[in-house]
Protein backbone atom coordinates (compact mmCIF):
# COMPACT_ATOMS: atom_id res chain seq x y z
CA MET A 1 208.70 124.21 203.28
CA VAL A 2 208.48 122.87 199.87
CA CYS A 3 211.59 120.89 198.57
CA PRO A 4 212.32 118.07 195.96
CA GLU A 5 213.16 114.92 198.11
CA THR A 6 216.70 113.57 198.05
CA SER A 7 218.27 110.10 199.62
CA SER A 8 218.90 111.11 202.90
CA ASP A 9 215.50 112.43 203.98
CA GLU A 10 213.74 110.18 206.28
CA PRO A 11 209.66 110.54 206.22
CA LEU A 12 207.73 111.12 208.97
CA THR A 13 205.84 108.44 210.95
CA PRO A 14 201.76 108.55 210.57
CA ALA A 15 201.57 109.38 214.43
CA GLY A 16 204.28 111.99 213.36
CA ARG A 17 202.45 113.58 210.31
CA LEU A 18 199.06 113.57 211.95
CA PHE A 19 200.39 115.93 214.75
CA LEU A 20 201.48 118.14 211.83
CA GLN A 21 197.73 118.74 210.42
CA PRO A 22 196.28 122.32 211.47
CA GLU A 23 193.38 121.00 213.53
CA THR A 24 195.79 118.79 215.70
CA ASP A 25 199.24 120.64 215.69
CA ILE A 26 200.40 119.82 218.99
CA VAL A 27 202.92 121.51 220.96
CA ILE A 28 204.76 120.04 224.03
CA HIS A 29 205.93 122.10 227.05
CA CYS A 30 208.31 121.44 229.84
CA ILE A 31 208.74 124.02 232.34
CA ILE A 32 211.73 123.48 234.77
CA ARG A 33 212.41 125.79 237.39
CA GLY A 34 215.86 125.71 238.85
CA LYS A 35 216.95 126.53 242.65
CA ASN A 36 220.06 129.07 241.31
CA PRO A 37 220.03 132.18 238.48
CA ALA A 38 220.01 131.07 235.17
CA ASP A 39 223.68 130.81 233.83
CA MET A 40 223.25 131.63 229.81
CA ASP A 41 226.69 130.13 228.67
CA ALA A 42 226.32 127.11 230.78
CA ILE A 43 223.19 126.73 229.15
CA LYS A 44 224.32 127.11 225.46
CA SER A 45 227.17 124.88 226.30
CA ALA A 46 225.27 121.99 227.56
CA ILE A 47 222.90 122.29 224.91
CA LYS A 48 225.84 122.18 221.91
CA SER A 49 227.37 118.80 224.12
CA SER A 50 223.85 117.63 224.66
CA LEU A 51 222.60 113.94 223.42
CA MET A 52 219.29 116.01 221.91
CA VAL A 53 221.14 118.24 219.15
CA GLN A 54 222.63 115.08 218.24
CA HIS A 55 219.96 113.31 217.72
CA PRO A 56 218.15 113.27 214.29
CA ARG A 57 214.60 114.40 214.93
CA PHE A 58 216.53 117.45 216.70
CA CYS A 59 218.43 118.65 213.78
CA SER A 60 216.03 118.09 211.01
CA LEU A 61 213.73 120.04 209.36
CA LEU A 62 210.37 119.58 208.38
CA VAL A 63 210.08 119.48 204.31
CA ARG A 64 207.33 118.21 201.95
CA ASP A 65 208.06 116.89 198.31
CA LYS A 66 206.13 117.85 195.54
CA ASN A 67 203.52 115.01 196.35
CA GLY A 68 202.86 117.14 200.00
CA PHE A 69 204.30 114.31 201.90
CA GLU A 70 206.55 114.99 204.76
CA HIS A 71 210.12 114.02 205.63
CA TRP A 72 213.28 115.11 207.81
CA ARG A 73 216.52 116.53 206.59
CA LYS A 74 219.25 116.97 208.08
CA THR A 75 220.74 120.59 208.56
CA PRO A 76 223.39 122.63 211.00
CA ILE A 77 221.96 123.57 213.86
CA ASP A 78 222.37 127.83 215.29
CA ILE A 79 221.13 127.27 219.35
CA GLY A 80 220.61 131.72 219.10
CA GLN A 81 217.99 130.53 216.86
CA HIS A 82 216.48 128.26 219.51
CA VAL A 83 216.89 129.89 222.90
CA VAL A 84 214.73 132.69 223.42
CA VAL A 85 215.86 134.95 226.57
CA VAL A 86 212.94 136.86 228.74
CA ASN A 87 214.73 139.27 230.56
CA ASN A 88 211.66 141.37 232.48
CA ARG A 89 209.96 139.85 235.46
CA LEU A 90 206.27 139.05 234.32
CA ASP A 91 203.16 139.31 236.44
CA LYS A 92 200.20 136.83 236.97
CA SER A 93 198.38 137.93 233.74
CA GLY A 94 201.67 137.24 231.67
CA ASN A 95 202.85 140.80 231.22
CA PHE A 96 206.01 142.74 231.92
CA ILE A 97 206.22 145.03 235.01
CA ASP A 98 207.94 147.85 235.40
CA GLN A 99 211.16 146.90 237.70
CA THR A 100 212.50 150.64 237.71
CA GLN A 101 209.46 150.77 240.33
CA GLY A 102 210.70 148.09 242.46
CA SER A 103 208.19 145.01 243.68
CA THR A 104 208.45 142.14 245.68
CA THR A 105 206.64 138.71 244.72
CA THR A 106 206.10 135.49 246.22
CA GLU A 107 207.09 132.20 244.40
CA GLU A 108 203.33 131.49 243.88
CA ASP A 109 203.06 134.75 242.26
CA ASP A 110 206.29 133.65 240.16
CA GLU A 111 204.29 130.30 239.19
CA ALA A 112 201.07 132.49 238.31
CA ALA A 113 203.00 134.39 236.05
CA VAL A 114 205.50 131.23 234.26
CA ASN A 115 202.29 129.37 234.30
CA GLN A 116 200.32 132.64 232.54
CA TYR A 117 203.38 133.00 230.10
CA VAL A 118 202.80 129.16 229.07
CA ALA A 119 199.09 129.63 228.74
CA ASP A 120 199.87 132.09 226.16
CA LEU A 121 202.51 129.87 224.19
CA SER A 122 199.62 127.46 223.97
CA VAL A 123 197.52 129.12 221.99
CA SER A 124 199.24 131.84 220.09
CA SER A 125 202.94 130.67 219.04
CA PRO A 126 203.18 127.74 216.69
CA LEU A 127 206.82 126.29 216.41
CA SER A 128 208.54 127.99 212.81
CA THR A 129 209.05 125.08 210.58
CA ASP A 130 212.17 127.04 208.87
CA LYS A 131 214.43 125.14 211.69
CA PRO A 132 213.71 122.10 213.81
CA LEU A 133 211.06 122.18 215.57
CA TRP A 134 212.13 122.55 219.16
CA GLU A 135 212.54 125.85 221.54
CA LEU A 136 214.08 126.90 225.02
CA HIS A 137 212.30 129.95 226.82
CA VAL A 138 214.71 131.27 229.81
CA LEU A 139 212.32 133.36 231.93
CA THR A 140 215.65 134.81 234.07
CA ALA A 141 213.73 136.97 236.36
CA HIS A 142 212.24 133.45 237.20
CA LYS A 143 214.96 131.26 237.16
CA CYS A 144 212.37 129.09 235.12
CA ALA A 145 213.07 127.31 231.54
CA VAL A 146 210.03 126.26 228.92
CA PHE A 147 211.21 123.43 226.34
CA ARG A 148 208.82 124.06 223.55
CA ILE A 149 208.95 120.50 221.71
CA HIS A 150 206.78 119.63 218.60
CA HIS A 151 204.74 116.36 219.22
CA SER A 152 205.58 115.51 215.64
CA LEU A 153 209.22 114.90 217.65
CA GLY A 154 208.11 112.04 220.23
CA ASP A 155 205.83 111.35 222.41
CA GLY A 156 205.78 112.45 226.34
CA ILE A 157 208.17 109.39 227.03
CA SER A 158 209.92 109.53 224.72
CA LEU A 159 211.20 113.10 225.45
CA MET A 160 211.30 112.75 228.90
CA SER A 161 213.64 110.09 228.59
CA MET A 162 215.97 112.48 226.12
CA LEU A 163 215.63 114.93 228.79
CA MET A 164 216.67 113.05 231.64
CA ALA A 165 219.80 111.88 229.19
CA ASN A 166 220.87 115.41 229.22
CA CYS A 167 220.11 115.85 233.42
CA ARG A 168 222.65 114.31 236.04
CA ARG A 169 221.08 113.53 240.02
CA ALA A 170 221.85 116.42 242.16
CA ASP A 171 224.14 114.11 244.79
CA ASP A 172 225.97 112.80 242.06
CA ALA A 173 226.91 114.85 239.29
CA GLU A 174 227.96 111.85 237.18
CA ALA A 175 224.89 109.28 237.90
CA LEU A 176 221.82 109.66 235.25
CA PRO A 177 218.70 110.12 236.88
CA ARG A 178 216.26 106.98 238.28
CA MET A 179 212.76 106.58 236.52
CA VAL A 180 211.95 103.75 238.33
CA PRO A 181 212.84 102.04 241.33
CA ASP A 182 215.77 99.57 241.41
CA LYS A 183 214.15 96.29 240.84
CA LYS A 184 214.00 93.34 243.68
CA THR A 185 215.74 90.46 243.56
CA VAL A 186 212.39 87.71 244.05
CA ILE A 187 212.99 84.41 244.11
CA LYS A 188 209.87 82.50 242.79
CA GLY A 189 208.78 78.97 242.94
CA GLU A 190 207.80 76.45 240.54
CA LYS A 191 204.26 76.86 240.03
CA GLY A 192 202.07 74.33 239.50
CA ARG A 193 200.66 74.34 235.86
CA ASP A 194 197.20 71.67 237.09
CA TRP A 195 193.93 72.12 235.33
CA PHE A 196 193.21 75.08 237.80
CA TRP A 197 195.25 77.02 236.29
CA LEU A 198 194.55 76.47 233.04
CA PHE A 199 191.03 77.46 233.75
CA GLY A 200 192.85 80.55 235.21
CA VAL A 201 194.25 81.02 232.16
CA LEU A 202 191.59 80.46 229.87
CA TRP A 203 189.25 82.93 231.88
CA TRP A 204 191.35 85.49 231.72
CA PHE A 205 191.85 85.39 227.95
CA LEU A 206 188.21 85.00 227.72
CA LYS A 207 187.71 88.44 229.99
CA MET A 208 190.19 89.89 227.45
CA VAL A 209 188.39 89.35 224.29
CA VAL A 210 184.96 90.35 225.64
CA PHE A 211 186.82 93.53 227.22
CA THR A 212 188.45 94.33 224.37
CA LEU A 213 185.06 94.03 221.65
CA LEU A 214 183.01 95.93 224.54
CA PHE A 215 185.36 98.66 224.91
CA SER A 216 186.47 99.30 220.71
CA MET A 217 183.44 99.41 220.47
CA GLU A 218 182.19 102.39 222.68
CA PHE A 219 185.71 103.82 221.07
CA VAL A 220 184.60 104.00 217.68
CA LEU A 221 180.94 105.32 218.61
CA ARG A 222 182.68 107.80 220.48
CA SER A 223 184.80 108.59 217.80
CA LEU A 224 181.94 108.85 215.30
CA LEU A 225 178.66 109.35 216.85
CA VAL A 226 178.33 109.17 220.78
CA SER A 227 179.22 112.35 222.84
CA ASP A 228 179.66 113.10 226.44
CA GLU A 229 176.70 114.84 228.44
CA LYS A 230 176.78 118.63 227.88
CA THR A 231 177.99 120.24 230.94
CA ALA A 232 179.19 123.47 232.23
CA ILE A 233 183.14 122.58 231.30
CA THR A 234 182.24 121.34 227.72
CA GLY A 235 184.27 121.89 224.90
CA GLY A 236 183.99 121.51 221.05
CA ASP A 237 184.87 122.85 218.01
CA GLY A 238 187.08 125.57 217.44
CA VAL A 239 187.86 125.96 221.18
CA GLU A 240 191.38 125.23 220.44
CA LEU A 241 191.97 128.83 219.44
CA TRP A 242 190.22 129.75 222.49
CA PRO A 243 192.53 131.82 225.32
CA ARG A 244 194.12 129.84 227.54
CA LYS A 245 194.80 130.28 231.50
CA LEU A 246 197.10 128.05 233.51
CA ALA A 247 196.81 126.43 237.31
CA THR A 248 198.96 123.66 239.06
CA ALA A 249 198.01 120.97 241.24
CA LYS A 250 200.66 119.83 243.97
CA PHE A 251 200.40 116.23 244.81
CA LEU A 252 203.07 114.00 247.37
CA LEU A 253 203.44 110.64 245.93
CA ASP A 254 203.32 109.19 249.59
CA ASP A 255 199.79 110.46 249.76
CA MET A 256 199.03 108.71 246.61
CA LYS A 257 200.69 105.12 247.94
CA LEU A 258 198.76 105.54 250.87
CA ILE A 259 195.40 105.52 249.25
CA LYS A 260 196.50 103.13 246.48
CA ARG A 261 197.24 100.66 249.62
CA ALA A 262 193.65 101.07 250.45
CA VAL A 263 191.89 100.14 247.32
CA PRO A 264 193.68 96.64 246.69
CA ASP A 265 194.34 95.65 243.45
CA THR A 266 192.33 93.17 241.58
CA ASP A 267 193.30 89.75 239.86
CA LEU A 268 193.13 91.43 236.60
CA SER A 269 195.18 93.95 237.27
CA LYS A 270 197.71 91.31 238.71
CA LEU A 271 198.03 89.44 236.04
CA MET A 272 198.61 92.79 233.57
CA LYS A 273 201.38 93.55 235.30
CA SER A 274 204.81 93.02 232.91
CA ASN A 275 207.94 94.10 231.96
CA THR A 276 208.01 96.12 229.33
CA LYS A 277 210.46 97.98 226.75
CA ALA A 278 210.14 101.38 225.65
CA ARG A 279 211.01 102.66 221.47
CA TRP A 280 211.63 106.55 220.77
CA GLY A 281 208.40 107.76 218.55
CA ASN A 282 204.80 108.80 218.65
CA LYS A 283 203.90 105.50 220.01
CA PHE A 284 200.65 105.52 222.22
CA GLY A 285 196.95 104.26 222.75
CA VAL A 286 194.30 106.67 224.39
CA ILE A 287 191.71 104.89 226.83
CA LEU A 288 187.94 106.14 227.38
CA ILE A 289 187.39 106.48 230.82
CA PRO A 290 183.09 107.10 231.99
CA VAL A 291 182.78 110.48 234.56
CA TYR A 292 180.52 110.47 237.02
CA TYR A 293 178.74 113.71 238.06
CA HIS A 294 177.82 113.95 241.84
CA LYS A 295 178.05 116.45 244.99
CA GLY A 296 179.79 114.51 247.51
CA GLY A 297 179.00 111.59 249.68
CA ASN A 298 179.71 109.85 253.16
CA ASP A 299 182.82 107.60 251.31
CA PRO A 300 185.48 109.70 249.39
CA LEU A 301 186.95 106.40 248.38
CA GLU A 302 183.65 105.51 247.34
CA TYR A 303 184.52 107.18 243.35
CA LEU A 304 187.77 106.14 243.57
CA LYS A 305 187.39 102.24 244.09
CA ARG A 306 184.66 102.45 241.03
CA ALA A 307 186.85 103.94 238.91
CA LYS A 308 189.97 101.75 239.63
CA ALA A 309 187.23 99.16 238.99
CA ILE A 310 186.84 99.73 235.23
CA VAL A 311 190.40 101.31 234.78
CA ASP A 312 191.38 97.43 235.79
CA LYS A 313 188.27 96.21 233.09
CA LYS A 314 190.33 98.69 230.57
CA LYS A 315 193.80 97.65 231.26
CA HIS A 316 192.32 93.91 231.25
CA SER A 317 191.85 94.80 227.06
CA LEU A 318 193.35 95.73 224.07
CA GLU A 319 191.11 98.91 224.06
CA ALA A 320 194.66 101.22 223.83
CA TYR A 321 196.53 98.92 221.62
CA PHE A 322 193.19 98.99 219.36
CA SER A 323 192.93 102.68 219.58
CA TYR A 324 196.71 102.79 218.00
CA LYS A 325 196.27 100.80 215.41
CA ILE A 326 193.07 102.08 213.87
CA GLY A 327 194.59 105.53 213.21
CA ASP A 328 197.49 104.19 211.83
CA LEU A 329 195.62 102.54 209.70
CA VAL A 330 193.50 105.42 208.48
CA MET A 331 196.64 107.43 208.33
CA SER A 332 197.85 104.73 205.96
CA LEU A 333 194.93 103.95 204.09
CA LEU A 334 193.05 107.57 203.93
CA GLY A 335 195.49 109.68 204.80
CA PRO A 336 196.61 112.31 206.98
CA LYS A 337 193.53 114.58 206.23
CA TYR A 338 190.87 111.68 207.55
CA ALA A 339 192.96 110.64 210.93
CA CYS A 340 192.83 114.49 211.64
CA MET A 341 189.18 114.18 211.33
CA LEU A 342 189.02 110.58 213.36
CA ASN A 343 191.03 112.24 216.36
CA TYR A 344 189.46 115.82 216.52
CA LYS A 345 186.13 114.45 216.37
CA LEU A 346 186.95 111.93 219.39
CA LEU A 347 188.14 114.90 221.00
CA CYS A 348 185.01 117.02 220.38
CA ASN A 349 183.23 114.10 221.57
CA THR A 350 184.91 114.02 225.17
CA THR A 351 185.46 116.06 228.27
CA PHE A 352 188.52 116.56 229.30
CA THR A 353 191.97 114.76 228.22
CA LEU A 354 194.45 113.38 230.88
CA SER A 355 197.78 111.72 231.03
CA ASN A 356 200.76 111.14 233.09
CA VAL A 357 204.26 110.87 233.07
CA ALA A 358 206.76 109.24 235.05
CA GLY A 359 209.73 111.62 236.50
CA PRO A 360 212.69 111.09 237.84
CA LEU A 361 212.77 109.56 241.45
CA GLU A 362 215.32 111.89 242.88
CA GLU A 363 216.16 115.43 242.66
CA ILE A 364 218.22 116.61 239.34
CA SER A 365 220.47 118.81 237.95
CA LEU A 366 220.49 120.35 234.44
CA ALA A 367 223.29 122.70 233.17
CA GLY A 368 224.86 122.74 236.83
CA ASN A 369 221.89 124.00 238.36
CA PRO A 370 219.50 121.71 240.54
CA LEU A 371 215.74 121.62 239.93
CA SER A 372 212.97 122.68 242.03
CA SER A 373 210.44 121.62 239.23
CA ILE A 374 209.51 120.04 236.33
CA LYS A 375 205.82 120.26 235.09
CA VAL A 376 204.63 119.50 231.49
CA ASN A 377 201.34 120.45 228.80
CA THR A 378 200.43 120.73 225.74
CA SER A 379 198.92 123.06 223.53
CA SER A 380 195.29 123.57 223.54
CA LEU A 381 193.09 120.95 222.31
CA PRO A 382 189.58 121.66 221.20
CA GLN A 383 188.37 120.47 224.90
CA ALA A 384 188.12 123.57 227.78
CA LEU A 385 190.22 120.85 230.31
CA THR A 386 193.23 118.97 229.84
CA MET A 387 195.29 117.75 232.67
CA HIS A 388 198.94 117.03 232.25
CA MET A 389 200.74 115.07 235.53
CA LEU A 390 204.44 114.50 235.85
CA SER A 391 206.11 112.96 239.33
CA TYR A 392 209.55 114.73 240.70
CA ALA A 393 211.76 113.49 243.53
CA GLY A 394 208.78 112.50 246.03
CA LYS A 395 205.99 114.79 244.07
CA ALA A 396 203.84 114.85 241.67
CA GLU A 397 202.26 118.41 239.93
CA MET A 398 199.26 118.49 237.28
CA GLN A 399 199.09 121.17 234.88
CA ILE A 400 195.50 121.89 234.25
CA LEU A 401 195.34 124.18 231.28
CA VAL A 402 191.96 125.61 230.78
CA ALA A 403 189.78 127.57 227.69
CA LYS A 404 189.36 130.71 230.31
CA ASP A 405 185.53 131.80 228.83
CA ILE A 406 184.70 128.50 229.99
CA ILE A 407 186.64 127.62 233.80
CA PRO A 408 187.57 131.49 234.66
CA ASP A 409 188.96 130.12 237.75
CA PRO A 410 191.44 127.18 237.19
CA GLU A 411 193.50 127.87 240.45
CA PHE A 412 189.95 126.63 242.50
CA LEU A 413 189.80 123.63 240.66
CA ALA A 414 193.69 122.87 241.48
CA LYS A 415 192.82 123.65 245.00
CA CYS A 416 189.72 121.21 244.64
CA PHE A 417 192.05 118.33 243.11
CA GLU A 418 194.37 118.94 246.02
CA TYR A 419 191.66 118.88 248.90
CA ALA A 420 189.93 115.88 246.96
CA LEU A 421 193.19 113.80 247.89
CA LEU A 422 193.65 115.18 251.28
CA GLU A 423 190.01 114.07 251.91
CA MET A 424 190.80 110.47 250.61
CA LYS A 425 193.87 110.41 252.86
CA GLU A 426 192.25 111.61 255.68
CA ALA A 427 189.47 108.57 255.20
CA VAL A 428 191.82 106.42 254.98
CA LEU A 429 193.91 106.97 258.11
CA ARG A 430 190.36 106.67 259.81
CA THR A 431 190.08 103.62 258.71
CA ASN A 432 193.40 102.19 259.73
CA LYS A 433 192.83 103.64 263.68
CA ALA A 434 189.22 102.02 263.83
């Protein structure tokens, strides 16, 4: 929408402008499943009174001035324009079922049907710019809803915080969900500031500089020149337009914690632990992790240990910060066209994208309906495989979005991930018994 600029318009952030480019037009999908049937009156009432519709991003139109610069412009919210109700039951292919003939479905069938519905949205259904860039699809027959929020409104952490602000704990209708455990009070002794301590700090700083230089150079090369080894799951230019399938891998957080304790922290990761303060917006970087291809071995923890050693070094560097700042600099100096080219090239040169967000610790309710699961994914990228993980009430579910012409059976891939974690767990238990 092209309109004259007004004094109340707010310009988009550089990252927000990036996500509006045609090649990187990304929508975040959050799938929430209730334990009870959906009450549409309660849902619409909850939306009208929620903090979400009071937030400037969620009640603003995207407009462009005569020079092509994007701005947010406040507008009244019509809830009816944003809520899409699907009353028919879907099959595992995402097609409507003729309910007059009667049919029985399992929980797995329901999940597969909703996944395919979201997979189809990931390719063929951009958000309309004649209203604020969010929607809520309610699949009443599946006790499920799908939030569709454009990535230009915020990153995963910001949007998850917004969702949680409108939810309450299932065991306490007045309490907000907890995203992180309560901090324990620790009485720290006086740390000696001797020469060994000073040497440790200098050595830590030197490693940070070296790792940052190495990984930043790798990031630049991967963005412009070097691509991953071609494999059976390699995507590339134009793959974001290919039909998609979506599957879910399910894990227990207790299993993950058990395995994590078997792979001890290095000195680097201990030094990097610190408190952080989150802000609203799209403020995130990326790190590049090498992928090793193998056919298995005697020790299933071997590859986890190697991956953790690499990630510890990445955490000890400023690679994530560098990747954010280089994108911000290109956007500021050269504009969204070249920033989009850089980001798109990086995605084409890498094999897959993996992200994770911490969710609530306990079960929560939304609009008075307790939730049995929360899952997230995004619209398709120029990769054949993208994975997004979210934790919820002692579980973690990873959404696996694939280009189905390249990876025709994502359910099998999901089972492989689940079995791999169980295999690691068994290896840890055998070690503990020895």
